[in-house]
Structure formats: C-alpha cells, structure tokens
Amino acid sequence: MTDIKQKKENVKMHLKHLRQNLKKMHLEVTEELILPNPDDVKELMNKMDKLLKLIESK
C-alpha cells in the first residue's frame, strides 16, 4: 500500500472512531439526559485537532 493510501486509511479510521464517540455522547444527551464528562469532550476535541493537523500537512 502506498504512503498516501495508508494515510487515507488512517484518517478514515480516526474519523470512524470520532464519529462513534460523538454518536455515543449524542445518545447519552438526548435519550438518557446525561451530559458528557468535560474531560471526554476535551479528549475528542484534541483528537479532532490532531486529525486536522494531519490532514492539513498534506
């Protein structure tokens, strides 16, 4: 697999993981009326920032 394809796959994997976490948080807020832990939100934001930096570096 070429380097570019590998990077694309890595980005896809990270996006899927972020999406799953966000969906979980959304369900907790809307269905269970539970606010997410602020540290969890910060962690997701940091992951998104890292992913954005990776994408911008291309």
C-alpha atoms as a PDB file:
ATOM      1  CA  MET A   1       0.000   0.000   0.000  1.00  0.00           C
ATOM      2  CA  THR A   2       1.340   3.412  -0.901  1.00  0.00           C
ATOM      3  CA  ASP A   3       2.039   6.029   1.720  1.00  0.00           C
ATOM      4  CA  ILE A   4      -0.871   8.217   0.551  1.00  0.00           C
ATOM      5  CA  LYS A   5      -3.307   5.315   0.658  1.00  0.00           C
ATOM      6  CA  GLN A   6      -2.104   4.408   4.131  1.00  0.00           C
ATOM      7  CA  LYS A   7      -2.624   7.975   5.318  1.00  0.00           C
ATOM      8  CA  LYS A   8      -6.131   7.977   3.858  1.00  0.00           C
ATOM      9  CA  GLU A   9      -6.933   4.743   5.650  1.00  0.00           C
ATOM     10  CA  ASN A  10      -5.574   6.162   8.910  1.00  0.00           C
ATOM     11  CA  VAL A  11      -7.731   9.264   8.524  1.00  0.00           C
ATOM     12  CA  LYS A  12     -10.794   7.132   7.791  1.00  0.00           C
ATOM     13  CA  MET A  13     -10.136   5.007  10.847  1.00  0.00           C
ATOM     14  CA  HIS A  14      -9.762   8.063  13.083  1.00  0.00           C
ATOM     15  CA  LEU A  15     -12.911   9.636  11.654  1.00  0.00           C
ATOM     16  CA  LYS A  16     -14.898   6.459  12.291  1.00  0.00           C
ATOM     17  CA  HIS A  17     -13.665   6.347  15.870  1.00  0.00           C
ATOM     18  CA  LEU A  18     -14.506  10.009  16.452  1.00  0.00           C
ATOM     19  CA  ARG A  19     -17.926   9.534  14.899  1.00  0.00           C
ATOM     20  CA  GLN A  20     -18.674   6.590  17.173  1.00  0.00           C
ATOM     21  CA  ASN A  21     -17.693   8.579  20.243  1.00  0.00           C
ATOM     22  CA  LEU A  22     -19.781  11.551  19.169  1.00  0.00           C
ATOM     23  CA  LYS A  23     -22.795   9.344  18.458  1.00  0.00           C
ATOM     24  CA  LYS A  24     -22.467   7.800  21.911  1.00  0.00           C
ATOM     25  CA  MET A  25     -22.318  11.233  23.530  1.00  0.00           C
ATOM     26  CA  HIS A  26     -25.288  12.401  21.485  1.00  0.00           C
ATOM     27  CA  LEU A  27     -27.388   9.433  22.580  1.00  0.00           C
ATOM     28  CA  GLU A  28     -26.456   9.988  26.205  1.00  0.00           C
ATOM     29  CA  VAL A  29     -27.510  13.619  25.990  1.00  0.00           C
ATOM     30  CA  THR A  30     -30.719  13.145  24.010  1.00  0.00           C
ATOM     31  CA  GLU A  31     -32.028   9.845  25.354  1.00  0.00           C
ATOM     32  CA  GLU A  32     -30.565   9.481  28.812  1.00  0.00           C
ATOM     33  CA  LEU A  33     -30.303  13.213  29.576  1.00  0.00           C
ATOM     34  CA  ILE A  34     -26.724  12.746  30.746  1.00  0.00           C
ATOM     35  CA  LEU A  35     -24.198  15.446  29.989  1.00  0.00           C
ATOM     36  CA  PRO A  36     -20.821  14.183  28.790  1.00  0.00           C
ATOM     37  CA  ASN A  37     -17.826  14.350  31.023  1.00  0.00           C
ATOM     38  CA  PRO A  38     -15.884  17.544  30.182  1.00  0.00           C
ATOM     39  CA  ASP A  39     -12.653  15.549  30.006  1.00  0.00           C
ATOM     40  CA  ASP A  40     -14.194  13.258  27.386  1.00  0.00           C
ATOM     41  CA  VAL A  41     -15.213  16.266  25.312  1.00  0.00           C
ATOM     42  CA  LYS A  42     -11.720  17.746  25.608  1.00  0.00           C
ATOM     43  CA  GLU A  43     -10.188  14.435  24.579  1.00  0.00           C
ATOM     44  CA  LEU A  44     -12.365  14.276  21.469  1.00  0.00           C
ATOM     45  CA  MET A  45     -11.522  17.858  20.613  1.00  0.00           C
ATOM     46  CA  ASN A  46      -7.814  17.091  20.925  1.00  0.00           C
ATOM     47  CA  LYS A  47      -8.193  14.059  18.677  1.00  0.00           C
ATOM     48  CA  MET A  48     -10.025  16.157  16.118  1.00  0.00           C
ATOM     49  CA  ASP A  49      -7.309  18.811  16.269  1.00  0.00           C
ATOM     50  CA  LYS A  50      -4.621  16.185  15.680  1.00  0.00           C
ATOM     51  CA  LEU A  51      -6.542  14.770  12.761  1.00  0.00           C
ATOM     52  CA  LEU A  52      -6.991  18.213  11.270  1.00  0.00           C
ATOM     53  CA  LYS A  53      -3.259  18.884  11.562  1.00  0.00           C
ATOM     54  CA  LEU A  54      -2.548  15.577   9.854  1.00  0.00           C
ATOM     55  CA  ILE A  55      -4.890  16.427   7.011  1.00  0.00           C
ATOM     56  CA  GLU A  56      -3.523  19.957   6.636  1.00  0.00           C
ATOM     57  CA  SER A  57       0.045  18.694   6.496  1.00  0.00           C
ATOM     58  CA  LYS A  58      -0.558  17.081   3.095  1.00  0.00           C
END
